[in-house]
Amino acid sequence: MKELEPLMMLEGRWTGKGKGSYGPFSAEMDVEVRGRWLLMRQKIMIPIVGITTYVSTQVYGYDDVGLTLDFFDTAGSFKFHGAREGDQ
């Protein structure tokens, strides 16, 4: 899976807290390898009102052209193609 090597630093569970226009919030993100894909699930929660305000699922992979990203959130679904640029 050398094609996904630039993204492997994302693998793991990430959590954080912050303060936004709706008040304090917490965020969670899980990234795991699923076959030849990286699956990322994330959500942002605002405890004051007890809701999850943003949820997205992202699937990173590759095809014969390069890296791909299929992105799904409350606004719909999007597909991106990309390539490495140097170390990025």
Protein backbone atom coordinates (compact mmCIF):
# COMPACT_ATOMS: atom_id res chain seq x y z
CA MET A 1 0.00 0.00 0.00
CA LYS A 2 2.77 2.43 -0.78
CA GLU A 3 0.18 4.68 -2.43
CA LEU A 4 -1.34 5.46 0.99
CA GLU A 5 1.99 6.00 2.77
CA PRO A 6 1.63 9.84 2.71
CA LEU A 7 -1.58 9.47 4.74
CA MET A 8 -0.61 6.78 7.26
CA MET A 9 0.28 9.40 9.89
CA LEU A 10 -3.49 9.95 10.20
CA GLU A 11 -4.12 6.43 11.52
CA GLY A 12 -5.38 6.35 15.10
CA ARG A 13 -7.91 8.01 17.38
CA TRP A 14 -7.80 11.77 17.77
CA THR A 15 -9.76 13.85 20.25
CA GLY A 16 -9.82 17.52 21.15
CA LYS A 17 -11.76 20.36 22.68
CA GLY A 18 -12.27 23.94 21.64
CA LYS A 19 -14.54 26.95 21.85
CA GLY A 20 -16.62 28.16 18.93
CA SER A 21 -19.48 30.53 18.22
CA TYR A 22 -21.92 28.06 19.86
CA GLY A 23 -19.74 27.64 22.93
CA PRO A 24 -17.36 24.86 23.98
CA PHE A 25 -17.25 21.73 21.86
CA SER A 26 -15.42 18.43 21.64
CA ALA A 27 -14.29 16.58 18.54
CA GLU A 28 -13.48 12.94 17.85
CA MET A 29 -11.84 11.40 14.82
CA ASP A 30 -11.04 7.75 14.14
CA VAL A 31 -8.86 6.68 11.22
CA GLU A 32 -8.36 2.99 10.48
CA VAL A 33 -7.03 0.87 7.65
CA ARG A 34 -9.74 -1.11 5.87
CA GLY A 35 -8.15 -3.21 3.14
CA ARG A 36 -6.67 -0.80 0.63
CA TRP A 37 -8.52 2.16 2.14
CA LEU A 38 -8.18 4.51 5.07
CA LEU A 39 -11.55 5.15 6.69
CA MET A 40 -11.94 8.37 8.68
CA ARG A 41 -15.01 9.07 10.81
CA GLN A 42 -15.35 12.31 12.70
CA LYS A 43 -17.90 14.23 14.71
CA ILE A 44 -18.12 17.50 16.59
CA MET A 45 -20.35 17.67 19.66
CA ILE A 46 -21.67 20.68 21.56
CA PRO A 47 -22.50 19.51 25.09
CA ILE A 48 -24.41 22.66 26.10
CA VAL A 49 -27.21 21.82 23.70
CA GLY A 50 -26.56 18.06 23.64
CA ILE A 51 -26.23 17.73 19.88
CA THR A 52 -23.72 16.46 17.39
CA THR A 53 -23.39 19.34 14.94
CA TYR A 54 -21.15 17.85 12.29
CA VAL A 55 -20.53 14.31 11.18
CA SER A 56 -18.41 13.24 8.24
CA THR A 57 -16.98 10.06 6.81
CA GLN A 58 -13.97 10.14 4.53
CA VAL A 59 -12.53 7.26 2.55
CA TYR A 60 -8.96 7.68 1.29
CA GLY A 61 -7.71 5.35 -1.40
CA TYR A 62 -6.07 5.34 -4.80
CA ASP A 63 -6.77 4.47 -8.39
CA ASP A 64 -4.62 4.33 -11.53
CA VAL A 65 -4.27 8.14 -11.48
CA GLY A 66 -3.32 8.73 -7.84
CA LEU A 67 -4.79 9.36 -4.40
CA THR A 68 -8.57 9.60 -4.06
CA LEU A 69 -10.86 10.93 -1.37
CA ASP A 70 -14.57 10.16 -1.14
CA PHE A 71 -16.08 12.59 1.35
CA PHE A 72 -19.56 12.29 2.86
CA ASP A 73 -21.16 14.79 5.24
CA THR A 74 -24.46 16.52 5.90
CA ALA A 75 -24.03 18.61 2.71
CA GLY A 76 -23.72 15.55 0.44
CA SER A 77 -20.92 13.55 -1.09
CA PHE A 78 -17.81 14.70 -2.92
CA LYS A 79 -14.98 12.95 -4.78
CA PHE A 80 -11.46 14.35 -5.01
CA HIS A 81 -8.34 13.22 -6.88
CA GLY A 82 -4.89 14.35 -5.83
CA ALA A 83 -1.21 13.67 -5.95
CA ARG A 84 1.74 14.20 -3.68
CA GLU A 85 3.63 17.40 -4.02
CA GLY A 86 7.07 16.92 -2.51
CA ASP A 87 6.61 15.69 1.07
CA GLN A 88 2.98 16.85 1.18
